[in-house]
N, C-alpha and C. Protein backbone atom coordinates (compact mmCIF):
# COMPACT_ATOMS: atom_id res chain seq x y z
N MET A 1 12.83 -28.77 -37.30
CA MET A 1 11.38 -28.68 -37.46
C MET A 1 10.96 -29.84 -36.99
N ARG A 2 11.05 -30.89 -37.17
CA ARG A 2 10.87 -32.66 -36.88
C ARG A 2 11.02 -32.02 -35.01
N ARG A 3 11.98 -31.93 -34.59
CA ARG A 3 12.71 -31.74 -33.32
C ARG A 3 11.62 -31.12 -32.52
N HIS A 4 10.84 -30.11 -33.17
CA HIS A 4 10.06 -29.03 -32.16
C HIS A 4 8.71 -29.53 -32.58
N SER A 5 8.40 -30.22 -33.63
CA SER A 5 6.91 -30.91 -33.67
C SER A 5 6.81 -32.10 -32.62
N LEU A 6 7.90 -32.55 -32.57
CA LEU A 6 7.66 -34.02 -31.56
C LEU A 6 7.35 -33.07 -30.03
N ILE A 7 8.59 -32.23 -29.71
CA ILE A 7 8.47 -31.42 -28.19
C ILE A 7 7.00 -30.87 -28.42
N ALA A 8 6.19 -30.29 -29.44
CA ALA A 8 4.67 -29.83 -28.92
C ALA A 8 4.28 -31.21 -29.51
N LEU A 9 3.94 -32.15 -29.79
CA LEU A 9 3.34 -33.14 -29.89
C LEU A 9 3.55 -34.19 -28.28
N LEU A 10 4.35 -34.20 -27.76
CA LEU A 10 4.75 -34.35 -26.29
C LEU A 10 4.07 -33.54 -25.29
N VAL A 11 4.35 -32.15 -25.60
CA VAL A 11 3.42 -31.53 -24.81
C VAL A 11 1.62 -31.66 -25.02
N VAL A 12 1.07 -31.60 -25.71
CA VAL A 12 -0.28 -31.96 -26.28
C VAL A 12 -0.44 -33.12 -25.24
N SER A 13 0.32 -34.18 -25.62
CA SER A 13 -0.20 -35.89 -25.12
C SER A 13 -0.20 -35.44 -23.61
N ALA A 14 1.02 -34.74 -22.64
CA ALA A 14 0.78 -34.66 -21.33
C ALA A 14 -0.18 -33.96 -20.62
N PHE A 15 -0.75 -32.65 -21.42
CA PHE A 15 -1.99 -31.79 -21.33
C PHE A 15 -3.22 -32.93 -21.35
N VAL A 16 -3.32 -33.64 -22.28
CA VAL A 16 -4.68 -34.65 -22.28
C VAL A 16 -4.28 -35.52 -21.08
N ALA A 17 -3.54 -36.09 -21.11
CA ALA A 17 -3.21 -36.73 -20.02
C ALA A 17 -3.35 -36.10 -18.87
N PHE A 18 -3.13 -35.15 -18.38
CA PHE A 18 -3.53 -34.79 -17.07
C PHE A 18 -4.54 -34.34 -17.03
N ASN A 19 -5.34 -33.70 -17.86
CA ASN A 19 -6.91 -33.45 -18.01
C ASN A 19 -7.48 -34.45 -17.60
N HIS A 20 -7.37 -35.79 -18.34
CA HIS A 20 -7.89 -37.09 -18.38
C HIS A 20 -7.65 -37.74 -16.69
N PHE A 21 -6.57 -37.81 -16.03
CA PHE A 21 -6.57 -38.12 -14.80
C PHE A 21 -7.18 -37.14 -13.95
N SER A 22 -7.22 -36.06 -14.12
CA SER A 22 -7.72 -35.00 -13.54
C SER A 22 -9.32 -35.16 -13.27
N GLY A 23 -9.63 -35.55 -14.35
CA GLY A 23 -11.05 -35.58 -14.57
C GLY A 23 -12.01 -36.76 -13.89
N VAL A 24 -10.94 -38.00 -14.33
CA VAL A 24 -11.62 -39.19 -13.62
C VAL A 24 -11.24 -39.03 -11.78
N HIS A 25 -10.16 -38.13 -11.36
CA HIS A 25 -10.32 -38.03 -10.02
C HIS A 25 -11.71 -36.91 -9.54
N ASN A 26 -11.47 -36.36 -10.70
CA ASN A 26 -13.08 -35.52 -9.80
C ASN A 26 -14.13 -36.30 -9.98
N VAL A 27 -14.09 -37.06 -10.99
CA VAL A 27 -15.27 -38.01 -10.71
C VAL A 27 -15.55 -38.86 -9.81
N ARG A 28 -14.48 -39.75 -9.44
CA ARG A 28 -14.42 -40.59 -8.05
C ARG A 28 -14.69 -39.24 -7.20
N ALA A 29 -14.07 -38.15 -6.82
CA ALA A 29 -14.52 -37.66 -5.89
C ALA A 29 -16.06 -37.40 -5.46
N ILE A 30 -16.57 -36.53 -6.75
CA ILE A 30 -18.00 -36.45 -6.91
C ILE A 30 -19.06 -37.99 -6.24
N ALA A 31 -18.46 -38.76 -7.01
CA ALA A 31 -19.32 -40.26 -6.55
C ALA A 31 -19.38 -40.39 -5.04
N ASN A 32 -17.97 -40.27 -4.86
CA ASN A 32 -17.49 -40.35 -2.89
C ASN A 32 -18.55 -39.98 -2.13
N ARG A 33 -18.61 -38.46 -2.28
CA ARG A 33 -19.51 -37.58 -2.04
C ARG A 33 -20.94 -37.80 -1.82
N GLN A 34 -21.09 -38.72 -3.28
CA GLN A 34 -22.48 -39.07 -3.28
C GLN A 34 -23.02 -40.23 -2.36
N ASP A 35 -21.98 -40.88 -2.34
CA ASP A 35 -22.23 -42.16 -1.69
C ASP A 35 -22.10 -41.47 -0.15
N ASP A 36 -21.17 -40.63 0.30
CA ASP A 36 -21.54 -40.65 1.37
C ASP A 36 -22.86 -40.01 2.11
N ALA A 37 -23.55 -38.98 1.13
CA ALA A 37 -24.75 -38.23 0.98
C ALA A 37 -25.53 -39.62 1.41
N THR A 38 -25.32 -40.62 0.39
CA THR A 38 -26.47 -41.64 0.18
C THR A 38 -26.28 -42.36 1.79
N ASN A 39 -25.03 -42.94 2.03
CA ASN A 39 -24.84 -43.63 3.30
C ASN A 39 -25.06 -42.91 4.65
N LYS A 40 -25.36 -41.83 4.88
CA LYS A 40 -25.61 -40.89 5.80
C LYS A 40 -26.40 -40.82 6.62
N PRO A 41 -26.34 -41.56 7.91
CA PRO A 41 -28.15 -41.84 8.44
C PRO A 41 -28.58 -40.65 8.68
N SER A 42 -29.96 -41.23 8.42
CA SER A 42 -30.95 -40.21 8.25
C SER A 42 -32.54 -40.79 8.79
N LEU A 43 -33.42 -40.03 9.43
CA LEU A 43 -34.75 -40.45 9.81
C LEU A 43 -35.65 -39.98 8.71
N PRO A 44 -36.73 -40.64 8.67
CA PRO A 44 -37.61 -40.18 7.19
C PRO A 44 -38.04 -38.47 7.60
N GLU A 45 -38.23 -38.21 6.03
CA GLU A 45 -38.59 -36.75 5.93
C GLU A 45 -39.60 -36.47 6.24
N ILE A 46 -39.82 -35.28 7.15
CA ILE A 46 -41.36 -34.41 7.40
C ILE A 46 -42.32 -34.77 5.90
N GLY A 47 -43.12 -35.13 6.09
CA GLY A 47 -44.26 -34.95 4.76
C GLY A 47 -43.99 -36.26 4.42
N THR A 48 -43.32 -37.45 4.65
CA THR A 48 -43.34 -38.47 4.37
C THR A 48 -44.56 -39.50 4.51
N GLU A 49 -45.14 -40.11 3.99
CA GLU A 49 -46.19 -40.89 3.82
C GLU A 49 -46.16 -41.87 5.19
N ARG A 50 -46.93 -42.44 5.35
CA ARG A 50 -47.05 -43.67 6.97
C ARG A 50 -46.05 -44.99 6.41
N PRO A 51 -45.03 -45.19 6.98
CA PRO A 51 -44.36 -46.37 6.36
C PRO A 51 -45.14 -47.60 6.84
N GLU A 52 -44.70 -48.53 6.22
CA GLU A 52 -45.34 -49.87 6.73
C GLU A 52 -45.17 -50.42 7.92
N LEU A 53 -46.58 -50.91 8.36
CA LEU A 53 -46.34 -51.32 9.86
C LEU A 53 -46.44 -53.06 9.79
N SER A 54 -45.42 -53.47 10.60
CA SER A 54 -45.33 -55.03 10.91
C SER A 54 -45.55 -55.10 12.28
N LEU A 55 -46.47 -54.95 13.10
CA LEU A 55 -46.48 -55.17 14.55
C LEU A 55 -47.50 -55.79 14.96
N ARG A 56 -47.53 -56.49 16.04
CA ARG A 56 -48.60 -56.88 16.84
C ARG A 56 -48.38 -56.28 17.88
N LEU A 57 -50.00 -56.26 18.81
CA LEU A 57 -50.21 -55.44 20.15
C LEU A 57 -50.19 -56.84 21.20
N LEU A 58 -49.50 -56.30 22.37
CA LEU A 58 -49.28 -57.21 23.45
C LEU A 58 -50.32 -57.45 24.17
N SER A 59 -51.41 -56.84 23.89
CA SER A 59 -53.03 -57.16 24.45
C SER A 59 -53.54 -58.49 23.75
N GLY A 60 -53.18 -58.58 22.78
CA GLY A 60 -53.56 -59.77 21.55
C GLY A 60 -54.52 -59.05 20.52
N GLY A 61 -54.86 -57.74 20.85
CA GLY A 61 -55.45 -57.03 20.01
C GLY A 61 -55.59 -57.16 18.42
N PRO A 62 -56.18 -56.71 17.40
CA PRO A 62 -56.19 -56.75 16.22
C PRO A 62 -54.39 -55.86 15.77
N ASP A 63 -54.13 -56.66 14.92
CA ASP A 63 -52.46 -56.16 14.66
C ASP A 63 -52.71 -54.57 14.06
N PRO A 64 -52.16 -53.51 14.66
CA PRO A 64 -52.62 -51.99 14.12
C PRO A 64 -52.13 -52.13 12.69
N LYS A 65 -53.26 -51.26 11.73
CA LYS A 65 -53.44 -50.70 10.50
C LYS A 65 -53.58 -49.78 10.22
N TRP A 66 -52.69 -48.63 9.39
CA TRP A 66 -53.13 -47.37 9.41
C TRP A 66 -54.53 -47.15 8.83
N GLN A 67 -55.47 -48.07 8.35
CA GLN A 67 -56.65 -47.77 7.62
C GLN A 67 -57.55 -47.52 8.85
N ALA A 68 -57.28 -48.47 9.93
CA ALA A 68 -58.01 -48.26 11.14
C ALA A 68 -57.60 -46.88 11.79
N MET A 69 -56.64 -46.17 11.56
CA MET A 69 -56.50 -45.06 12.25
C MET A 69 -56.73 -43.79 11.41
N GLU A 70 -57.44 -44.18 10.30
CA GLU A 70 -57.62 -42.97 9.27
C GLU A 70 -58.32 -41.49 10.06
N GLY A 71 -57.86 -40.32 10.29
CA GLY A 71 -58.67 -39.39 10.94
C GLY A 71 -57.72 -39.42 12.17
N GLN A 72 -56.89 -39.64 12.75
CA GLN A 72 -56.31 -39.75 14.00
C GLN A 72 -54.71 -39.16 13.76
N VAL A 73 -54.41 -38.68 14.84
CA VAL A 73 -53.04 -38.16 14.95
C VAL A 73 -52.21 -39.56 15.81
N VAL A 74 -51.20 -39.98 14.99
CA VAL A 74 -50.45 -41.43 15.58
C VAL A 74 -49.33 -41.00 16.16
N VAL A 75 -48.78 -41.40 17.51
CA VAL A 75 -47.77 -40.93 17.94
C VAL A 75 -47.55 -42.42 18.08
N MET A 76 -45.77 -42.74 17.23
CA MET A 76 -45.15 -44.03 17.76
C MET A 76 -43.86 -44.06 18.51
N ASP A 77 -44.25 -44.38 19.81
CA ASP A 77 -42.68 -44.22 20.55
C ASP A 77 -42.05 -45.69 20.50
N PHE A 78 -40.57 -45.83 20.20
CA PHE A 78 -39.57 -46.79 19.89
C PHE A 78 -38.59 -46.67 21.11
N TRP A 79 -38.50 -47.90 21.66
CA TRP A 79 -37.97 -47.96 23.07
C TRP A 79 -37.66 -49.30 23.16
N ALA A 80 -36.58 -49.30 24.10
CA ALA A 80 -36.46 -50.79 24.49
C ALA A 80 -36.30 -50.84 25.84
N THR A 81 -36.57 -52.28 26.99
CA THR A 81 -36.40 -52.05 28.17
C THR A 81 -34.77 -51.92 28.88
N TRP A 82 -33.79 -51.50 27.95
CA TRP A 82 -32.43 -51.70 28.29
C TRP A 82 -31.92 -50.43 28.47
N CYS A 83 -32.93 -49.61 28.20
CA CYS A 83 -32.64 -48.20 27.46
C CYS A 83 -33.10 -47.09 28.67
N PRO A 84 -32.19 -46.91 29.58
CA PRO A 84 -32.63 -45.85 30.66
C PRO A 84 -33.54 -44.25 30.17
N PRO A 85 -33.11 -43.50 29.14
CA PRO A 85 -33.70 -42.47 28.46
C PRO A 85 -35.59 -43.17 28.40
N CYS A 86 -35.37 -44.29 27.96
CA CYS A 86 -36.72 -45.06 27.66
C CYS A 86 -37.59 -45.19 28.42
N ILE A 87 -37.02 -45.79 29.91
CA ILE A 87 -37.79 -45.87 31.09
C ILE A 87 -38.00 -44.79 31.59
N ASP A 88 -37.28 -43.42 31.68
CA ASP A 88 -37.58 -42.21 32.16
C ASP A 88 -38.26 -41.60 31.58
N SER A 89 -38.56 -41.64 29.91
CA SER A 89 -39.58 -40.96 29.76
C SER A 89 -41.25 -41.92 30.05
N ILE A 90 -41.39 -42.64 30.34
CA ILE A 90 -42.66 -43.72 30.65
C ILE A 90 -43.67 -42.91 31.25
N PRO A 91 -43.37 -41.92 32.45
CA PRO A 91 -43.95 -41.21 33.44
C PRO A 91 -44.69 -39.89 32.40
N HIS A 92 -43.75 -39.17 31.57
CA HIS A 92 -44.24 -38.38 30.95
C HIS A 92 -44.93 -38.64 29.67
N LEU A 93 -45.00 -39.99 29.27
CA LEU A 93 -45.60 -40.08 28.23
C LEU A 93 -46.91 -40.76 28.27
N ASN A 94 -47.22 -41.11 29.66
CA ASN A 94 -48.27 -41.86 30.53
C ASN A 94 -49.27 -40.19 30.90
N GLU A 95 -48.57 -39.40 31.31
CA GLU A 95 -49.10 -37.73 31.50
C GLU A 95 -49.93 -37.37 29.97
N LEU A 96 -49.11 -37.60 29.10
CA LEU A 96 -49.75 -37.09 27.86
C LEU A 96 -50.86 -37.74 27.39
N HIS A 97 -50.52 -39.35 27.34
CA HIS A 97 -51.81 -40.42 27.02
C HIS A 97 -52.75 -39.55 27.72
N THR A 98 -52.81 -39.46 29.18
CA THR A 98 -53.84 -39.11 30.19
C THR A 98 -54.68 -37.64 29.48
N LYS A 99 -54.00 -36.95 29.18
CA LYS A 99 -54.29 -35.57 28.93
C LYS A 99 -55.12 -35.42 27.54
N PHE A 100 -54.82 -36.58 26.29
CA PHE A 100 -55.14 -36.53 25.22
C PHE A 100 -56.12 -37.81 25.00
N GLU A 101 -56.63 -38.40 26.22
CA GLU A 101 -57.69 -39.41 25.86
C GLU A 101 -58.56 -39.10 25.27
N LYS A 102 -59.18 -38.04 25.29
CA LYS A 102 -60.61 -37.62 24.76
C LYS A 102 -60.31 -36.66 23.25
N GLU A 103 -59.18 -36.83 22.92
CA GLU A 103 -58.82 -36.39 21.67
C GLU A 103 -58.37 -37.31 20.85
N LYS A 104 -58.49 -37.20 19.40
CA LYS A 104 -58.33 -37.75 18.21
C LYS A 104 -56.62 -38.29 18.22
N VAL A 105 -56.14 -39.09 19.15
CA VAL A 105 -54.82 -39.27 19.15
C VAL A 105 -54.41 -40.52 19.68
N ARG A 106 -53.49 -41.26 19.31
CA ARG A 106 -53.40 -42.75 19.11
C ARG A 106 -52.18 -42.80 19.79
N PHE A 107 -51.90 -43.71 20.90
CA PHE A 107 -50.21 -43.53 21.18
C PHE A 107 -49.97 -45.10 21.10
N PHE A 108 -48.72 -45.26 20.55
CA PHE A 108 -48.00 -47.13 20.37
C PHE A 108 -46.72 -46.62 21.10
N SER A 109 -46.46 -47.62 21.93
CA SER A 109 -45.03 -47.70 22.24
C SER A 109 -44.50 -49.35 21.66
N VAL A 110 -43.43 -49.10 20.83
CA VAL A 110 -43.03 -50.18 20.25
C VAL A 110 -41.40 -50.76 20.60
N SER A 111 -41.37 -51.94 20.81
CA SER A 111 -40.43 -52.44 21.40
C SER A 111 -40.06 -53.91 20.61
N TYR A 112 -39.06 -54.41 20.32
CA TYR A 112 -38.79 -55.56 19.27
C TYR A 112 -38.54 -56.85 20.27
N GLU A 113 -38.53 -56.50 21.69
CA GLU A 113 -38.39 -57.65 22.41
C GLU A 113 -39.28 -58.67 22.90
N PRO A 114 -39.02 -59.79 23.33
CA PRO A 114 -40.45 -60.34 23.15
C PRO A 114 -41.44 -60.62 24.27
N ALA A 115 -42.82 -60.78 23.77
CA ALA A 115 -43.58 -60.36 24.51
C ALA A 115 -43.51 -60.64 26.32
N PRO A 116 -43.20 -62.04 26.38
CA PRO A 116 -43.18 -62.30 27.66
C PRO A 116 -42.13 -61.63 28.66
N TYR A 117 -41.26 -61.19 28.15
CA TYR A 117 -40.36 -60.47 28.72
C TYR A 117 -40.54 -58.85 29.03
N VAL A 118 -41.25 -58.41 27.82
CA VAL A 118 -41.88 -56.94 27.85
C VAL A 118 -43.15 -56.79 29.25
N ARG A 119 -43.85 -57.94 29.04
CA ARG A 119 -44.87 -57.98 30.41
C ARG A 119 -44.40 -57.88 31.30
N GLU A 120 -43.30 -58.55 31.68
CA GLU A 120 -42.63 -58.48 33.37
C GLU A 120 -42.23 -57.45 33.28
N PHE A 121 -41.68 -56.75 32.45
CA PHE A 121 -41.32 -55.61 32.67
C PHE A 121 -42.22 -54.68 32.92
N LEU A 122 -43.42 -54.64 31.99
CA LEU A 122 -44.50 -53.66 32.73
C LEU A 122 -45.17 -53.64 34.19
N LYS A 123 -45.15 -54.56 34.36
CA LYS A 123 -45.62 -55.02 35.91
C LYS A 123 -44.89 -54.09 36.73
N GLU A 124 -43.82 -53.59 36.06
CA GLU A 124 -42.98 -52.42 37.29
C GLU A 124 -42.68 -50.88 36.64
N HIS A 125 -42.96 -50.81 35.34
CA HIS A 125 -42.97 -49.88 34.62
C HIS A 125 -44.51 -49.65 33.69
N PRO A 126 -45.56 -49.53 34.43
CA PRO A 126 -46.53 -49.52 33.35
C PRO A 126 -46.90 -48.43 32.33
N MET A 127 -47.27 -48.87 31.32
CA MET A 127 -47.53 -48.09 29.80
C MET A 127 -49.02 -47.53 29.50
N ALA A 128 -49.48 -46.61 29.56
CA ALA A 128 -50.39 -46.14 29.11
C ALA A 128 -50.96 -46.47 27.57
N ALA A 129 -50.01 -46.46 27.07
CA ALA A 129 -49.76 -46.49 25.43
C ALA A 129 -50.33 -47.68 24.89
N GLU A 130 -50.71 -48.27 24.08
CA GLU A 130 -50.84 -49.13 23.33
C GLU A 130 -49.23 -49.85 23.23
N VAL A 131 -48.81 -51.05 23.72
CA VAL A 131 -47.53 -51.72 23.73
C VAL A 131 -47.55 -52.81 22.51
N ALA A 132 -46.80 -51.98 21.38
CA ALA A 132 -46.67 -53.30 20.18
C ALA A 132 -45.32 -53.93 20.06
N ILE A 133 -45.52 -54.89 19.51
CA ILE A 133 -44.25 -55.70 19.27
C ILE A 133 -43.86 -55.86 17.75
N ASP A 134 -42.39 -55.37 17.61
CA ASP A 134 -41.88 -55.38 16.44
C ASP A 134 -40.60 -56.81 16.12
N ASP A 135 -41.62 -57.99 16.35
CA ASP A 135 -40.68 -58.94 16.41
C ASP A 135 -40.01 -59.39 14.91
N SER A 136 -39.93 -59.23 13.66
CA SER A 136 -39.48 -59.07 12.93
C SER A 136 -38.51 -57.64 12.69
N LEU A 137 -38.53 -56.83 13.54
CA LEU A 137 -37.77 -55.82 13.43
C LEU A 137 -38.02 -54.66 12.02
N ASN A 138 -38.89 -55.21 11.39
CA ASN A 138 -39.24 -54.31 9.89
C ASN A 138 -39.72 -53.09 10.06
N THR A 139 -40.39 -52.78 11.16
CA THR A 139 -41.15 -51.69 11.39
C THR A 139 -39.94 -50.65 11.61
N PHE A 140 -38.82 -51.11 12.75
CA PHE A 140 -37.68 -50.15 13.04
C PHE A 140 -36.62 -50.13 11.77
N LYS A 141 -36.95 -50.87 11.22
CA LYS A 141 -36.17 -50.60 9.76
C LYS A 141 -36.65 -49.83 9.19
N THR A 142 -38.07 -50.10 8.68
CA THR A 142 -38.31 -48.70 7.86
C THR A 142 -38.97 -47.43 8.43
N PHE A 143 -38.96 -47.36 9.72
CA PHE A 143 -38.65 -45.92 10.26
C PHE A 143 -37.26 -45.28 10.36
N ARG A 144 -36.44 -46.52 10.51
CA ARG A 144 -35.06 -46.26 11.04
C ARG A 144 -34.86 -46.08 12.14
N ALA A 145 -35.63 -46.72 12.82
CA ALA A 145 -35.62 -46.26 14.44
C ALA A 145 -34.74 -46.41 15.39
N TRP A 146 -33.51 -46.41 15.15
CA TRP A 146 -32.13 -46.96 15.92
C TRP A 146 -32.05 -46.43 17.22
N GLY A 147 -32.12 -44.81 17.16
CA GLY A 147 -31.43 -44.03 18.01
C GLY A 147 -32.85 -43.76 19.02
N ILE A 148 -33.01 -45.04 19.74
CA ILE A 148 -33.96 -44.79 20.75
C ILE A 148 -34.03 -44.29 22.32
N PRO A 149 -34.85 -43.13 22.50
CA PRO A 149 -36.44 -43.58 22.47
C PRO A 149 -36.12 -42.26 21.37
N VAL A 150 -36.85 -42.92 20.26
CA VAL A 150 -37.33 -41.60 19.30
C VAL A 150 -39.08 -41.65 19.04
N ILE A 151 -39.70 -40.71 18.70
CA ILE A 151 -40.85 -40.79 18.57
C ILE A 151 -41.38 -39.95 17.00
N PHE A 152 -42.41 -40.56 16.48
CA PHE A 152 -42.56 -40.17 14.86
C PHE A 152 -44.04 -40.05 15.59
N ILE A 153 -44.76 -38.60 14.92
CA ILE A 153 -45.77 -38.20 15.06
C ILE A 153 -46.28 -37.98 13.35
N PHE A 154 -47.67 -38.37 13.23
CA PHE A 154 -48.36 -38.43 12.05
C PHE A 154 -49.29 -38.28 11.95
N ASP A 155 -49.81 -37.02 10.90
CA ASP A 155 -51.25 -36.17 11.17
C ASP A 155 -52.37 -37.30 10.85
N SER A 156 -53.44 -36.21 10.95
CA SER A 156 -54.42 -37.18 10.63
C SER A 156 -54.90 -37.62 9.01
N LYS A 157 -54.10 -37.01 8.28
CA LYS A 157 -54.24 -37.40 6.71
C LYS A 157 -52.96 -38.37 6.68
N GLY A 158 -52.13 -38.98 7.72
CA GLY A 158 -51.01 -40.11 7.36
C GLY A 158 -49.67 -39.37 7.20
N LYS A 159 -49.39 -37.96 7.19
CA LYS A 159 -48.21 -37.68 6.86
C LYS A 159 -47.57 -37.16 8.38
N LEU A 160 -46.32 -37.56 8.10
CA LEU A 160 -45.32 -37.46 9.05
C LEU A 160 -44.62 -35.93 9.28
N VAL A 161 -45.31 -35.54 10.50
CA VAL A 161 -45.26 -33.74 10.88
C VAL A 161 -44.14 -33.94 11.73
N ALA A 162 -43.40 -34.85 12.74
CA ALA A 162 -42.84 -34.60 13.40
C ALA A 162 -41.95 -35.99 14.31
N THR A 163 -40.30 -35.95 14.16
CA THR A 163 -39.70 -36.87 14.98
C THR A 163 -39.03 -35.87 15.92
N VAL A 164 -39.33 -36.91 17.32
CA VAL A 164 -38.81 -36.06 18.19
C VAL A 164 -38.45 -36.91 19.27
N HIS A 165 -37.26 -36.37 20.08
CA HIS A 165 -37.03 -37.46 21.35
C HIS A 165 -37.98 -37.15 22.48
N PRO A 166 -38.32 -37.99 23.13
CA PRO A 166 -39.56 -37.92 24.43
C PRO A 166 -39.46 -36.71 24.91
N ASN A 167 -38.34 -36.27 25.56
CA ASN A 167 -38.36 -34.91 26.54
C ASN A 167 -38.53 -33.54 25.57
N ASN A 168 -38.63 -33.96 24.60
CA ASN A 168 -39.13 -32.54 23.57
C ASN A 168 -40.56 -32.89 23.28
N LEU A 169 -41.20 -34.10 23.52
CA LEU A 169 -42.60 -34.02 23.28
C LEU A 169 -43.82 -33.24 24.12
N THR A 170 -44.60 -32.21 23.58
CA THR A 170 -44.99 -31.70 24.57
C THR A 170 -46.23 -31.42 23.88
N PRO A 171 -47.54 -30.73 25.28
CA PRO A 171 -48.59 -30.59 24.22
C PRO A 171 -49.08 -30.21 23.31
N GLU A 172 -48.18 -28.87 23.40
CA GLU A 172 -48.34 -27.97 22.31
C GLU A 172 -48.11 -28.64 21.18
N VAL A 173 -46.94 -29.44 20.90
CA VAL A 173 -46.79 -30.50 19.73
C VAL A 173 -47.71 -30.96 19.50
N LEU A 174 -48.19 -32.03 20.34
CA LEU A 174 -49.41 -32.44 19.87
C LEU A 174 -50.78 -31.86 19.31
N TYR A 175 -51.07 -30.63 19.87
CA TYR A 175 -52.07 -29.70 19.43
C TYR A 175 -51.62 -29.53 18.27
N ALA A 176 -50.55 -29.10 17.77
CA ALA A 176 -50.14 -28.57 16.88
C ALA A 176 -50.36 -29.64 15.51
N ALA A 177 -50.02 -30.59 15.76
CA ALA A 177 -50.14 -31.92 14.90
C ALA A 177 -51.86 -32.15 14.71
N LEU A 178 -52.57 -31.77 15.76
CA LEU A 178 -54.22 -32.05 15.82
C LEU A 178 -55.06 -31.16 14.53
N ARG A 179 -53.97 -29.68 14.69
CA ARG A 179 -54.59 -28.60 13.55
C ARG A 179 -54.24 -29.15 12.16
N GLY A 180 -53.27 -30.44 12.14
CA GLY A 180 -52.44 -30.36 10.82
C GLY A 180 -51.68 -29.57 10.41
N GLU A 181 -50.87 -29.22 11.36
CA GLU A 181 -49.47 -28.32 11.45
C GLU A 181 -48.19 -28.87 11.66
N ILE A 182 -47.23 -28.58 11.13
CA ILE A 182 -46.06 -29.04 11.14
C ILE A 182 -45.31 -28.31 12.59
N PRO A 183 -45.12 -29.27 13.65
CA PRO A 183 -44.91 -28.37 15.33
C PRO A 183 -43.77 -27.74 14.58
N GLN A 184 -43.35 -27.15 15.83
CA GLN A 184 -41.74 -26.20 15.71
C GLN A 184 -41.19 -27.25 16.92
N VAL A 185 -40.58 -27.91 16.67
CA VAL A 185 -39.79 -28.50 17.97
C VAL A 185 -38.55 -29.68 17.80
N LYS A 186 -37.45 -29.29 18.19
CA LYS A 186 -36.28 -29.91 17.96
C LYS A 186 -36.46 -31.44 17.01
N PRO A 187 -35.87 -31.49 15.95
CA PRO A 187 -36.07 -33.11 15.61
C PRO A 187 -35.13 -33.92 16.43
N ALA A 188 -35.44 -35.52 16.07
CA ALA A 188 -34.82 -36.25 16.82
C ALA A 188 -33.64 -36.59 16.08
N THR A 189 -32.24 -37.14 16.68
CA THR A 189 -31.31 -37.40 16.10
C THR A 189 -31.00 -38.80 15.52
N PRO A 190 -30.86 -39.16 14.38
CA PRO A 190 -30.71 -40.35 13.79
C PRO A 190 -29.31 -41.29 14.20
N TRP A 191 -29.44 -42.53 14.78
CA TRP A 191 -28.43 -43.22 14.88
C TRP A 191 -27.31 -43.27 14.08
N HIS A 192 -26.06 -43.16 14.37
CA HIS A 192 -25.01 -43.31 13.75
C HIS A 192 -24.80 -44.32 12.82
N ASP A 193 -25.10 -45.40 13.23
CA ASP A 193 -24.42 -46.55 12.82
C ASP A 193 -25.52 -47.36 13.07
N PRO A 194 -26.49 -47.47 11.96
CA PRO A 194 -28.21 -48.35 11.50
C PRO A 194 -27.67 -49.65 11.72
N ALA A 195 -26.86 -50.17 10.94
CA ALA A 195 -26.52 -51.56 10.53
C ALA A 195 -26.02 -52.24 12.31
N GLY A 196 -25.26 -51.72 12.69
CA GLY A 196 -24.52 -51.72 13.95
C GLY A 196 -25.42 -51.92 14.74
N ALA A 197 -26.60 -51.06 14.65
CA ALA A 197 -27.66 -51.11 15.85
C ALA A 197 -28.73 -52.29 15.80
N GLU A 198 -28.99 -52.28 14.31
CA GLU A 198 -29.71 -53.60 14.00
C GLU A 198 -29.11 -54.74 14.55
N SER A 199 -28.43 -55.17 14.20
CA SER A 199 -27.25 -56.43 14.66
C SER A 199 -27.35 -56.73 16.31
N TYR A 200 -26.90 -55.34 16.88
CA TYR A 200 -27.21 -55.76 18.25
C TYR A 200 -28.48 -55.90 18.67
N PHE A 201 -29.87 -55.14 18.43
CA PHE A 201 -31.14 -55.18 18.58
C PHE A 201 -31.39 -56.83 18.44
N ARG A 202 -30.94 -57.50 17.31
CA ARG A 202 -31.22 -58.93 16.86
C ARG A 202 -30.49 -59.60 17.82
N LYS A 203 -29.52 -59.30 18.26
CA LYS A 203 -28.60 -60.25 19.19
C LYS A 203 -29.21 -60.15 20.50
N LEU A 204 -29.76 -59.32 20.93
CA LEU A 204 -30.53 -59.13 22.56
C LEU A 204 -31.86 -59.94 22.14
N GLN A 205 -32.85 -59.84 20.80
CA GLN A 205 -33.73 -60.50 20.67
C GLN A 205 -33.95 -61.59 21.29
N LEU A 206 -32.47 -62.30 20.39
CA LEU A 206 -32.55 -63.94 20.29
C LEU A 206 -31.82 -64.28 21.99
N GLU A 207 -31.01 -63.53 22.46
CA GLU A 207 -30.96 -63.78 23.98
C GLU A 207 -32.13 -63.77 24.57
N LEU A 208 -33.21 -62.91 24.51
CA LEU A 208 -34.44 -63.20 25.27
C LEU A 208 -35.03 -64.16 24.95
N LYS A 209 -34.81 -64.13 23.74
CA LYS A 209 -36.11 -65.22 23.24
C LYS A 209 -35.89 -66.68 23.57
N GLU A 210 -34.07 -66.87 23.69
CA GLU A 210 -34.06 -68.26 24.38
C GLU A 210 -34.09 -68.71 25.67
N LYS A 211 -34.21 -67.29 26.47
CA LYS A 211 -34.33 -67.52 27.95
C LYS A 211 -35.87 -67.57 28.09
N TYR A 212 -36.56 -66.82 27.18
CA TYR A 212 -37.81 -67.14 27.83
C TYR A 212 -38.95 -67.48 26.94
N LYS A 213 -38.11 -68.87 26.02
CA LYS A 213 -39.08 -69.97 25.26
C LYS A 213 -40.15 -69.78 25.00
N GLN A 214 -40.55 -69.04 23.90
CA GLN A 214 -41.78 -68.51 23.37
C GLN A 214 -42.34 -69.82 22.97
């Protein structure tokens, strides 16, 4: 009788231990999936409020503030001088700027590179948009704008209505934003390694600052 009780006890203990370790494994698996989802590169969601700006205009004008752009559609284009797709998109964006210059649309082209270097670049590749410098990279970071070129469009109420590659930015997209609609357009793709991109951008920025001693 005692032998049977001992066997039964061992069976129950083994069952409990199995369930415990299985449960721990499942909890860890769920936690890992949650971590993966949290760390997955992404762009701000449509409908997001306007992220904070930390920019200065290359022209020397007042720093861009959302309060000064109330009632306007705002197009924020993130780019760099070393990025061929960014350079290729300049004529297209210039055309859109001309087409919408009488509309309530404001265009910004945002780089993190030193102002003297950007000025030299613009002599060969003029931009119609207001060129802004994000020296701290805080705006790049807030927008998660590492996969350049990438454009963010905000409606007149300050809501994000589209993230888009310049090639997919059409007049229809901007007209939809002016009407307060969510444009039907292919969304931009977030960069797969935000930390690596930020490190690379900062490295290039420091090298250019050293060369162009501000």
